[in-house]
Every structure is written in structure tokens, then in C-alpha cells.
């Protein structure tokens, strides 16, 4: 039945490892990869530490910045973005997202009752090599609210230790755990 739905363009399929994954068609060619990356972020970060609230895309409508998922820990807010290699090419999409987060910071603080700007962290998990992520961080003048990691390193960390692993690249080009932020 699934192959017939693919032939009729009701579903799309993509080979991921040894498995065939099906998804609803999207205007984005990499919707399956993006969806799997977002699911990995949600599960791995949720399992790493107790949180007060998980926010999905709908919670961010109307504030100008829409992360893939967000987590609230008391007065700290962790906003997560997954980027495929195509979104990373030229880095324009990521730079635009970062600009929007800075512009919309007051709206984010107000919506989620976070009272200090430094209590908001935006994490970009990018499906490219670690070297390319590090080069991006070094080439750009970045704000301290942004952290970056590559997808392979993100997935290599044991579930339950995601936030305490020192895999997140900050503006100084060094890697830190997010739990210390």
C-alpha cells in the first residue's frame, strides 16, 4: 500500500540507512531528514534532564522566530533548530534565523516569562561535518546566545547525557556542555 501512495504522490519515501522512511510530501525536498533530526533533538534533550515545559512549533506562532522545539528549565529557555546540509549551504538561512532571534528576543522573553536575555539559548544542530560547523562559527561575528553542533556528534552522545556533553561550539570556537550555560 505504501509504494502505491508514493507512486500516486500522496507520500514520499527516502532511504535512511537500511530503512525506507515515508512522509507526507512537502515543498522541501529534505522534509524526511529534517523531521528525523527534529525528533532526535526532542527525544535526546528531553531524556537528558528534567524540564518544566516542552514547546513545539505552534507555541511560537506570532513572535517572528519559530524554532523546531523549545525547552523551559525554570527561567532558562533552550530553543533548538535542526538544519539540513541544503539549509546550511551559503549559511544564509541560519544567519537569517539568528538575526530574527535577536530582533524578536523581547517577544520571546515576554511570551515565555523569561526575564533575562542571557537566559535564552538557541542551539543549531546542523547536518554537516564538525569542521564545517567550526569554520562557520569562526568566520561569523556571532551573538553569545547561539551554540552549534554537528548532527553526527549530537547523535554520538549517550541518551541521557545530551546537555552535559561538551559538544556545543560557542562563539569563541571552543566546545562546552549546555548544562553549564
N, C-alpha and C. Protein backbone atom coordinates (compact mmCIF):
# COMPACT_ATOMS: atom_id res chain seq x y z
N UNK A 1 0.81 -1.20 0.00
CA UNK A 1 0.00 0.00 0.00
C UNK A 1 0.87 1.28 0.00
N UNK A 2 1.94 1.30 0.81
CA UNK A 2 2.79 2.49 0.87
C UNK A 2 3.46 2.80 -0.48
N UNK A 3 4.00 1.79 -1.19
CA UNK A 3 4.57 2.11 -2.51
C UNK A 3 3.55 2.72 -3.48
N UNK A 4 2.30 2.26 -3.39
CA UNK A 4 1.26 2.83 -4.25
C UNK A 4 1.01 4.29 -3.89
N UNK A 5 1.01 4.63 -2.61
CA UNK A 5 0.83 6.02 -2.19
C UNK A 5 1.99 6.89 -2.67
N UNK A 6 3.19 6.32 -2.72
CA UNK A 6 4.35 7.06 -3.25
C UNK A 6 4.16 7.28 -4.75
N UNK A 7 3.75 6.23 -5.48
CA UNK A 7 3.52 6.37 -6.92
C UNK A 7 2.46 7.43 -7.22
N UNK A 8 1.43 7.49 -6.37
CA UNK A 8 0.34 8.47 -6.55
C UNK A 8 0.67 9.84 -5.94
N UNK A 9 1.91 9.98 -5.45
CA UNK A 9 2.41 11.23 -4.88
C UNK A 9 1.65 11.70 -3.63
N UNK A 10 1.08 10.75 -2.92
CA UNK A 10 0.43 11.06 -1.65
C UNK A 10 1.45 10.99 -0.50
N UNK A 11 2.53 10.23 -0.72
CA UNK A 11 3.63 10.12 0.22
C UNK A 11 4.94 10.24 -0.55
N UNK A 12 6.02 10.55 0.18
CA UNK A 12 7.36 10.48 -0.37
C UNK A 12 8.13 9.46 0.47
N UNK A 13 9.13 8.85 -0.14
CA UNK A 13 9.95 7.91 0.62
C UNK A 13 11.42 8.30 0.46
N UNK A 14 12.20 7.93 1.45
CA UNK A 14 13.63 8.24 1.43
C UNK A 14 14.34 7.11 2.15
N UNK A 15 15.43 6.64 1.56
CA UNK A 15 16.26 5.61 2.18
C UNK A 15 17.10 6.27 3.26
N UNK A 16 16.96 5.84 4.50
CA UNK A 16 17.75 6.34 5.61
C UNK A 16 18.43 5.14 6.26
N UNK A 17 19.71 5.03 6.02
CA UNK A 17 20.42 3.83 6.47
C UNK A 17 19.88 2.64 5.70
N UNK A 18 19.45 1.61 6.42
CA UNK A 18 18.89 0.41 5.78
C UNK A 18 17.37 0.45 5.70
N UNK A 19 16.76 1.52 6.21
CA UNK A 19 15.30 1.59 6.27
C UNK A 19 14.75 2.58 5.25
N UNK A 20 13.56 2.31 4.81
CA UNK A 20 12.84 3.22 3.93
C UNK A 20 11.85 3.99 4.81
N UNK A 21 11.96 5.31 4.79
CA UNK A 21 11.11 6.16 5.64
C UNK A 21 10.11 6.88 4.74
N UNK A 22 8.86 6.93 5.20
CA UNK A 22 7.79 7.58 4.44
C UNK A 22 7.35 8.84 5.16
N UNK A 23 6.95 9.84 4.37
CA UNK A 23 6.46 11.10 4.94
C UNK A 23 5.48 11.74 3.97
N UNK A 24 4.71 12.66 4.50
CA UNK A 24 3.79 13.44 3.67
C UNK A 24 4.64 14.37 2.81
N UNK A 25 4.30 14.53 1.53
CA UNK A 25 5.10 15.43 0.68
C UNK A 25 5.12 16.85 1.22
N UNK A 26 6.24 17.49 0.99
CA UNK A 26 6.42 18.86 1.44
C UNK A 26 7.08 19.64 0.32
N UNK A 27 6.99 20.97 0.41
CA UNK A 27 7.69 21.78 -0.59
C UNK A 27 9.20 21.69 -0.43
N UNK A 28 9.65 21.16 0.70
CA UNK A 28 11.07 20.97 0.94
C UNK A 28 11.44 19.53 0.59
N UNK A 29 12.47 19.35 -0.19
CA UNK A 29 12.90 18.02 -0.59
C UNK A 29 13.42 17.20 0.59
N UNK A 30 13.93 17.85 1.61
CA UNK A 30 14.56 17.13 2.71
C UNK A 30 13.67 17.06 3.95
N UNK A 31 12.37 17.04 3.75
CA UNK A 31 11.46 17.04 4.91
C UNK A 31 11.63 15.80 5.76
N UNK A 32 11.94 14.65 5.16
CA UNK A 32 12.13 13.42 5.94
C UNK A 32 13.34 13.57 6.84
N UNK A 33 14.46 14.01 6.29
CA UNK A 33 15.70 14.18 7.06
C UNK A 33 15.48 15.23 8.16
N UNK A 34 14.83 16.33 7.82
CA UNK A 34 14.56 17.37 8.82
C UNK A 34 13.67 16.83 9.93
N UNK A 35 12.65 16.09 9.58
CA UNK A 35 11.75 15.52 10.59
C UNK A 35 12.46 14.55 11.52
N UNK A 36 13.32 13.72 10.97
CA UNK A 36 14.09 12.78 11.80
C UNK A 36 15.06 13.53 12.72
N UNK A 37 15.70 14.57 12.20
CA UNK A 37 16.61 15.37 13.02
C UNK A 37 15.89 16.05 14.17
N UNK A 38 14.71 16.60 13.89
CA UNK A 38 13.92 17.26 14.94
C UNK A 38 13.48 16.26 16.00
N UNK A 39 13.11 15.06 15.56
CA UNK A 39 12.70 14.01 16.50
C UNK A 39 13.87 13.60 17.38
N UNK A 40 15.06 13.48 16.78
CA UNK A 40 16.26 13.16 17.57
C UNK A 40 16.50 14.23 18.64
N UNK A 41 16.39 15.50 18.24
CA UNK A 41 16.60 16.59 19.21
C UNK A 41 15.60 16.49 20.35
N UNK A 42 14.34 16.33 20.01
CA UNK A 42 13.28 16.27 21.01
C UNK A 42 13.53 15.14 22.00
N UNK A 43 13.79 13.95 21.51
CA UNK A 43 13.99 12.79 22.38
C UNK A 43 15.26 12.92 23.21
N UNK A 44 16.37 13.23 22.57
CA UNK A 44 17.65 13.26 23.26
C UNK A 44 17.71 14.36 24.32
N UNK A 45 17.21 15.53 24.02
CA UNK A 45 17.26 16.61 25.01
C UNK A 45 16.23 16.37 26.12
N UNK A 46 15.06 15.84 25.76
CA UNK A 46 14.05 15.53 26.78
C UNK A 46 14.57 14.53 27.80
N UNK A 47 15.33 13.55 27.33
CA UNK A 47 15.85 12.49 28.22
C UNK A 47 17.06 12.93 29.02
N UNK A 48 17.66 14.08 28.68
CA UNK A 48 18.92 14.45 29.32
C UNK A 48 18.75 15.15 30.67
N UNK A 49 17.64 15.79 30.90
CA UNK A 49 17.45 16.48 32.17
C UNK A 49 15.98 16.82 32.35
N UNK A 50 15.49 16.85 33.58
CA UNK A 50 14.08 17.23 33.78
C UNK A 50 13.85 18.67 33.32
N UNK A 51 12.75 18.89 32.65
CA UNK A 51 12.39 20.22 32.17
C UNK A 51 10.98 20.55 32.62
N UNK A 52 10.68 21.83 32.68
CA UNK A 52 9.36 22.26 33.11
C UNK A 52 8.34 22.16 31.97
N UNK A 53 8.79 22.44 30.75
CA UNK A 53 7.87 22.50 29.63
C UNK A 53 8.59 22.24 28.32
N UNK A 54 7.90 21.58 27.39
CA UNK A 54 8.39 21.40 26.03
C UNK A 54 7.48 22.22 25.14
N UNK A 55 8.06 23.02 24.27
CA UNK A 55 7.29 23.84 23.35
C UNK A 55 7.53 23.37 21.92
N UNK A 56 6.46 23.16 21.19
CA UNK A 56 6.55 22.78 19.79
C UNK A 56 6.29 24.00 18.92
N UNK A 57 6.37 23.83 17.62
CA UNK A 57 6.30 24.93 16.66
C UNK A 57 5.10 25.86 16.91
N UNK A 58 3.93 25.34 17.17
CA UNK A 58 2.73 26.16 17.36
C UNK A 58 2.82 27.16 18.49
N UNK A 59 3.62 26.86 19.51
CA UNK A 59 3.79 27.77 20.64
C UNK A 59 4.52 29.05 20.27
N UNK A 60 5.17 29.06 19.12
CA UNK A 60 5.98 30.21 18.72
C UNK A 60 5.34 31.06 17.64
N UNK A 61 4.17 30.70 17.19
CA UNK A 61 3.49 31.47 16.15
C UNK A 61 3.25 32.90 16.64
N UNK A 62 3.51 33.86 15.77
CA UNK A 62 3.23 35.25 16.09
C UNK A 62 4.35 36.02 16.76
N UNK A 63 5.49 35.36 17.03
CA UNK A 63 6.58 36.11 17.67
C UNK A 63 7.74 36.36 16.71
N UNK A 64 7.66 35.83 15.50
CA UNK A 64 8.67 36.14 14.49
C UNK A 64 9.83 35.16 14.40
N UNK A 65 9.98 34.30 15.38
CA UNK A 65 11.02 33.27 15.37
C UNK A 65 10.37 31.96 15.74
N UNK A 66 10.57 30.94 14.92
CA UNK A 66 9.91 29.66 15.16
C UNK A 66 10.95 28.54 15.17
N UNK A 67 11.41 28.14 16.35
CA UNK A 67 12.35 27.02 16.42
C UNK A 67 11.62 25.70 16.17
N UNK A 68 12.38 24.64 15.98
CA UNK A 68 11.78 23.32 15.79
C UNK A 68 11.22 22.77 17.10
N UNK A 69 11.87 23.08 18.20
CA UNK A 69 11.40 22.67 19.52
C UNK A 69 12.06 23.57 20.56
N UNK A 70 11.39 23.76 21.69
CA UNK A 70 11.94 24.56 22.78
C UNK A 70 11.72 23.86 24.11
N UNK A 71 12.61 24.10 25.05
CA UNK A 71 12.52 23.51 26.39
C UNK A 71 12.67 24.62 27.42
N UNK A 72 11.85 24.58 28.44
CA UNK A 72 11.97 25.56 29.52
C UNK A 72 12.41 24.85 30.78
N UNK A 73 13.46 25.41 31.40
CA UNK A 73 14.01 24.92 32.66
C UNK A 73 13.96 26.09 33.63
N UNK A 74 12.88 26.22 34.40
CA UNK A 74 12.74 27.37 35.29
C UNK A 74 12.72 28.64 34.47
N UNK A 75 13.71 29.50 34.70
CA UNK A 75 13.78 30.75 33.94
C UNK A 75 14.74 30.67 32.76
N UNK A 76 15.14 29.47 32.40
CA UNK A 76 16.01 29.30 31.22
C UNK A 76 15.20 28.70 30.08
N UNK A 77 15.50 29.15 28.88
CA UNK A 77 14.79 28.69 27.70
C UNK A 77 15.82 28.22 26.68
N UNK A 78 15.70 26.96 26.25
CA UNK A 78 16.56 26.39 25.22
C UNK A 78 15.73 26.20 23.96
N UNK A 79 16.09 26.92 22.91
CA UNK A 79 15.39 26.84 21.62
C UNK A 79 16.29 26.08 20.65
N UNK A 80 15.72 25.09 19.96
CA UNK A 80 16.52 24.20 19.13
C UNK A 80 16.11 24.27 17.66
N UNK A 81 17.12 24.34 16.81
CA UNK A 81 16.94 24.38 15.36
C UNK A 81 17.74 23.24 14.74
N UNK A 82 17.10 22.49 13.85
CA UNK A 82 17.82 21.49 13.08
C UNK A 82 17.95 22.00 11.65
N UNK A 83 19.15 21.91 11.10
CA UNK A 83 19.38 22.37 9.73
C UNK A 83 20.00 21.26 8.90
N UNK A 84 19.42 21.01 7.74
CA UNK A 84 19.99 20.05 6.81
C UNK A 84 21.18 20.68 6.10
N UNK A 85 21.90 19.87 5.36
CA UNK A 85 23.05 20.39 4.62
C UNK A 85 22.61 21.44 3.60
N UNK A 86 21.48 21.23 2.94
CA UNK A 86 20.99 22.21 1.97
C UNK A 86 20.69 23.55 2.63
N UNK A 87 20.13 23.53 3.84
CA UNK A 87 19.85 24.79 4.55
C UNK A 87 21.14 25.47 5.00
N UNK A 88 22.19 24.68 5.18
CA UNK A 88 23.45 25.24 5.64
C UNK A 88 24.25 25.86 4.51
N UNK A 89 24.10 25.34 3.30
CA UNK A 89 24.88 25.85 2.16
C UNK A 89 24.73 27.37 2.05
N UNK A 90 25.83 28.06 2.03
CA UNK A 90 25.81 29.52 1.97
C UNK A 90 25.46 30.15 3.30
N UNK A 91 24.94 29.36 4.22
CA UNK A 91 24.61 29.77 5.59
C UNK A 91 23.62 30.93 5.67
N UNK A 92 22.96 31.27 4.56
CA UNK A 92 22.02 32.40 4.59
C UNK A 92 20.81 32.12 5.47
N UNK A 93 20.29 30.90 5.42
CA UNK A 93 19.11 30.58 6.22
C UNK A 93 19.45 30.66 7.70
N UNK A 94 20.58 30.11 8.09
CA UNK A 94 20.97 30.14 9.51
C UNK A 94 21.22 31.58 9.96
N UNK A 95 21.90 32.36 9.15
CA UNK A 95 22.15 33.77 9.52
C UNK A 95 20.84 34.54 9.64
N UNK A 96 19.90 34.29 8.74
CA UNK A 96 18.60 34.95 8.81
C UNK A 96 17.87 34.55 10.10
N UNK A 97 17.92 33.27 10.44
CA UNK A 97 17.27 32.82 11.68
C UNK A 97 17.91 33.48 12.90
N UNK A 98 19.23 33.58 12.91
CA UNK A 98 19.91 34.21 14.05
C UNK A 98 19.51 35.68 14.16
N UNK A 99 19.44 36.38 13.05
CA UNK A 99 19.02 37.79 13.05
C UNK A 99 17.61 37.92 13.61
N UNK A 100 16.73 37.02 13.20
CA UNK A 100 15.34 37.07 13.69
C UNK A 100 15.27 36.79 15.19
N UNK A 101 16.07 35.86 15.69
CA UNK A 101 16.07 35.60 17.13
C UNK A 101 16.49 36.85 17.90
N UNK A 102 17.51 37.53 17.42
CA UNK A 102 17.97 38.76 18.10
C UNK A 102 16.88 39.83 18.04
N UNK A 103 16.25 40.00 16.88
CA UNK A 103 15.19 41.00 16.72
C UNK A 103 13.96 40.69 17.57
N UNK A 104 13.66 39.42 17.75
CA UNK A 104 12.44 39.01 18.45
C UNK A 104 12.68 38.58 19.89
N UNK A 105 13.85 38.86 20.42
CA UNK A 105 14.18 38.41 21.77
C UNK A 105 13.19 38.94 22.81
N UNK A 106 12.79 40.19 22.72
CA UNK A 106 11.84 40.74 23.69
C UNK A 106 10.50 40.00 23.66
N UNK A 107 10.02 39.66 22.48
CA UNK A 107 8.77 38.90 22.35
C UNK A 107 8.90 37.50 22.94
N UNK A 108 10.06 36.89 22.73
CA UNK A 108 10.31 35.55 23.28
C UNK A 108 10.32 35.62 24.81
N UNK A 109 11.04 36.60 25.35
CA UNK A 109 11.12 36.76 26.81
C UNK A 109 9.73 36.95 27.40
N UNK A 110 8.92 37.78 26.76
CA UNK A 110 7.58 38.06 27.27
C UNK A 110 6.67 36.84 27.17
N UNK A 111 6.68 36.17 26.04
CA UNK A 111 5.78 35.03 25.83
C UNK A 111 6.05 33.91 26.82
N UNK A 112 7.32 33.65 27.12
CA UNK A 112 7.68 32.50 27.95
C UNK A 112 8.10 32.88 29.37
N UNK A 113 7.82 34.12 29.74
CA UNK A 113 8.07 34.60 31.12
C UNK A 113 9.53 34.37 31.55
N UNK A 114 10.43 34.67 30.64
CA UNK A 114 11.86 34.61 30.92
C UNK A 114 12.30 36.06 31.01
N UNK A 115 12.94 36.43 32.11
CA UNK A 115 13.17 37.84 32.38
C UNK A 115 14.59 38.33 32.11
N UNK A 116 15.48 37.43 31.75
CA UNK A 116 16.84 37.85 31.43
C UNK A 116 17.19 37.34 30.05
N UNK A 117 17.66 38.23 29.20
CA UNK A 117 18.02 37.83 27.84
C UNK A 117 19.08 36.73 27.83
N UNK A 118 20.00 36.77 28.80
CA UNK A 118 21.05 35.74 28.81
C UNK A 118 20.53 34.37 29.25
N UNK A 119 19.25 34.29 29.61
CA UNK A 119 18.63 33.01 29.95
C UNK A 119 18.07 32.28 28.74
N UNK A 120 18.22 32.86 27.55
CA UNK A 120 17.76 32.24 26.32
C UNK A 120 18.97 31.73 25.54
N UNK A 121 18.94 30.44 25.21
CA UNK A 121 20.00 29.81 24.41
C UNK A 121 19.34 29.25 23.15
N UNK A 122 19.97 29.50 22.01
CA UNK A 122 19.49 28.93 20.76
C UNK A 122 20.57 27.96 20.28
N UNK A 123 20.16 26.70 20.09
CA UNK A 123 21.07 25.65 19.65
C UNK A 123 20.76 25.28 18.20
N UNK A 124 21.78 25.31 17.36
CA UNK A 124 21.66 24.85 15.98
C UNK A 124 22.37 23.51 15.86
N UNK A 125 21.62 22.47 15.49
CA UNK A 125 22.19 21.17 15.18
C UNK A 125 22.19 21.08 13.66
N UNK A 126 23.37 20.96 13.08
CA UNK A 126 23.50 21.09 11.63
C UNK A 126 24.05 19.80 11.03
N UNK A 127 23.40 19.31 9.99
CA UNK A 127 23.76 18.04 9.36
C UNK A 127 24.90 18.22 8.36
N UNK A 128 26.04 18.70 8.85
CA UNK A 128 27.28 18.81 8.08
C UNK A 128 28.42 18.38 9.00
N UNK A 129 29.64 18.33 8.48
CA UNK A 129 30.78 17.90 9.29
C UNK A 129 31.04 18.90 10.42
N UNK A 130 31.67 18.41 11.47
CA UNK A 130 32.02 19.27 12.60
C UNK A 130 32.97 20.38 12.16
N UNK A 131 33.87 20.05 11.26
CA UNK A 131 34.81 21.04 10.75
C UNK A 131 34.08 22.20 10.07
N UNK A 132 33.06 21.90 9.30
CA UNK A 132 32.29 22.96 8.62
C UNK A 132 31.54 23.82 9.63
N UNK A 133 31.01 23.20 10.68
CA UNK A 133 30.33 23.98 11.72
C UNK A 133 31.31 24.90 12.42
N UNK A 134 32.48 24.36 12.77
CA UNK A 134 33.50 25.16 13.44
C UNK A 134 33.97 26.32 12.55
N UNK A 135 34.15 26.07 11.28
CA UNK A 135 34.55 27.13 10.34
C UNK A 135 33.47 28.21 10.25
N UNK A 136 32.21 27.81 10.27
CA UNK A 136 31.11 28.78 10.24
C UNK A 136 31.16 29.68 11.47
N UNK A 137 31.35 29.08 12.64
CA UNK A 137 31.41 29.85 13.89
C UNK A 137 32.59 30.81 13.86
N UNK A 138 33.74 30.35 13.39
CA UNK A 138 34.94 31.20 13.36
C UNK A 138 34.82 32.34 12.36
N UNK A 139 34.13 32.11 11.24
CA UNK A 139 34.02 33.13 10.18
C UNK A 139 33.00 34.22 10.49
N UNK A 140 32.07 33.96 11.38
CA UNK A 140 30.97 34.90 11.61
C UNK A 140 31.07 35.54 12.99
N UNK A 141 30.68 36.78 13.06
CA UNK A 141 30.63 37.51 14.32
C UNK A 141 29.30 37.17 14.99
N UNK A 142 29.32 36.25 15.95
CA UNK A 142 28.08 35.71 16.50
C UNK A 142 27.76 36.26 17.87
N UNK A 143 26.49 36.23 18.19
CA UNK A 143 25.97 36.62 19.49
C UNK A 143 26.15 35.46 20.46
N UNK A 144 26.36 35.75 21.73
CA UNK A 144 26.60 34.73 22.74
C UNK A 144 25.44 33.83 23.07
N UNK A 145 24.24 34.11 22.54
CA UNK A 145 23.10 33.25 22.83
C UNK A 145 23.06 32.01 21.94
N UNK A 146 23.96 31.93 20.95
CA UNK A 146 23.94 30.85 19.98
C UNK A 146 25.03 29.82 20.23
N UNK A 147 24.62 28.55 20.14
CA UNK A 147 25.53 27.41 20.22
C UNK A 147 25.29 26.54 18.99
N UNK A 148 26.31 25.79 18.60
CA UNK A 148 26.24 24.99 17.38
C UNK A 148 26.86 23.62 17.61
N UNK A 149 26.34 22.62 16.92
CA UNK A 149 26.98 21.31 16.88
C UNK A 149 26.60 20.63 15.59
N UNK A 150 27.41 19.65 15.20
CA UNK A 150 27.08 18.86 14.02
C UNK A 150 26.19 17.69 14.44
N UNK A 151 25.42 17.21 13.49
CA UNK A 151 24.43 16.17 13.76
C UNK A 151 25.07 14.85 14.18
N UNK A 152 26.17 14.46 13.54
CA UNK A 152 26.81 13.18 13.88
C UNK A 152 27.31 13.19 15.32
N UNK A 153 27.95 14.28 15.74
CA UNK A 153 28.42 14.37 17.13
C UNK A 153 27.23 14.38 18.08
N UNK A 154 26.18 15.12 17.72
CA UNK A 154 24.96 15.18 18.53
C UNK A 154 24.40 13.78 18.76
N UNK A 155 24.34 12.97 17.71
CA UNK A 155 23.79 11.61 17.82
C UNK A 155 24.73 10.65 18.53
N UNK A 156 26.03 10.97 18.56
CA UNK A 156 27.01 10.04 19.14
C UNK A 156 27.00 10.05 20.67
N UNK A 157 26.40 11.06 21.25
CA UNK A 157 26.35 11.18 22.71
C UNK A 157 25.29 10.21 23.27
N UNK A 158 25.60 9.56 24.38
CA UNK A 158 24.65 8.64 25.00
C UNK A 158 23.37 9.38 25.38
N UNK A 159 22.25 8.72 25.13
CA UNK A 159 20.96 9.31 25.53
C UNK A 159 20.98 9.47 27.04
N UNK A 160 20.56 10.64 27.49
CA UNK A 160 20.57 10.95 28.91
C UNK A 160 21.69 11.90 29.30
N UNK A 161 22.69 12.05 28.41
CA UNK A 161 23.82 12.93 28.72
C UNK A 161 23.94 14.07 27.71
N UNK A 162 22.90 14.30 26.94
CA UNK A 162 22.96 15.26 25.84
C UNK A 162 23.40 16.66 26.28
N UNK A 163 22.85 17.18 27.35
CA UNK A 163 23.17 18.55 27.76
C UNK A 163 24.47 18.65 28.55
N UNK A 164 24.93 17.55 29.11
CA UNK A 164 26.17 17.61 29.90
C UNK A 164 27.41 17.28 29.07
N UNK A 165 27.23 16.83 27.84
CA UNK A 165 28.37 16.51 26.97
C UNK A 165 28.96 17.80 26.39
N UNK A 166 30.27 17.94 26.41
CA UNK A 166 30.91 19.17 25.89
C UNK A 166 31.05 19.14 24.36
N UNK A 167 29.93 19.19 23.67
CA UNK A 167 29.93 19.08 22.19
C UNK A 167 29.39 20.34 21.51
N UNK A 168 29.06 21.36 22.28
CA UNK A 168 28.39 22.54 21.73
C UNK A 168 29.38 23.69 21.54
N UNK A 169 29.54 24.10 20.29
CA UNK A 169 30.52 25.12 19.94
C UNK A 169 29.92 26.50 20.19
N UNK A 170 30.64 27.31 20.95
CA UNK A 170 30.19 28.67 21.27
C UNK A 170 30.94 29.66 20.39
N UNK A 171 30.69 30.93 20.56
CA UNK A 171 31.26 31.96 19.70
C UNK A 171 32.78 32.03 19.75
N UNK A 172 33.39 31.49 20.81
CA UNK A 172 34.86 31.51 20.90
C UNK A 172 35.50 30.33 20.18
N UNK A 173 34.68 29.46 19.57
CA UNK A 173 35.19 28.30 18.85
C UNK A 173 35.48 27.11 19.73
N UNK A 174 35.29 27.25 21.04
CA UNK A 174 35.51 26.15 21.98
C UNK A 174 34.21 25.39 22.21
N UNK A 175 34.32 24.14 22.69
CA UNK A 175 33.15 23.30 22.94
C UNK A 175 32.83 23.26 24.43
N UNK A 176 31.54 23.33 24.74
CA UNK A 176 31.07 23.36 26.12
C UNK A 176 29.83 22.50 26.26
N UNK A 177 29.52 22.06 27.48
CA UNK A 177 28.21 21.44 27.71
C UNK A 177 27.16 22.54 27.89
N UNK A 178 25.95 22.27 27.50
CA UNK A 178 24.89 23.28 27.66
C UNK A 178 24.41 23.36 29.11
N UNK A 179 24.65 22.33 29.89
CA UNK A 179 24.20 22.34 31.28
C UNK A 179 24.87 23.45 32.08
N UNK A 180 26.05 23.87 31.67
CA UNK A 180 26.78 24.91 32.40
C UNK A 180 26.37 26.31 31.99
N UNK A 181 25.59 26.43 30.93
CA UNK A 181 25.22 27.74 30.39
C UNK A 181 24.11 28.39 31.19
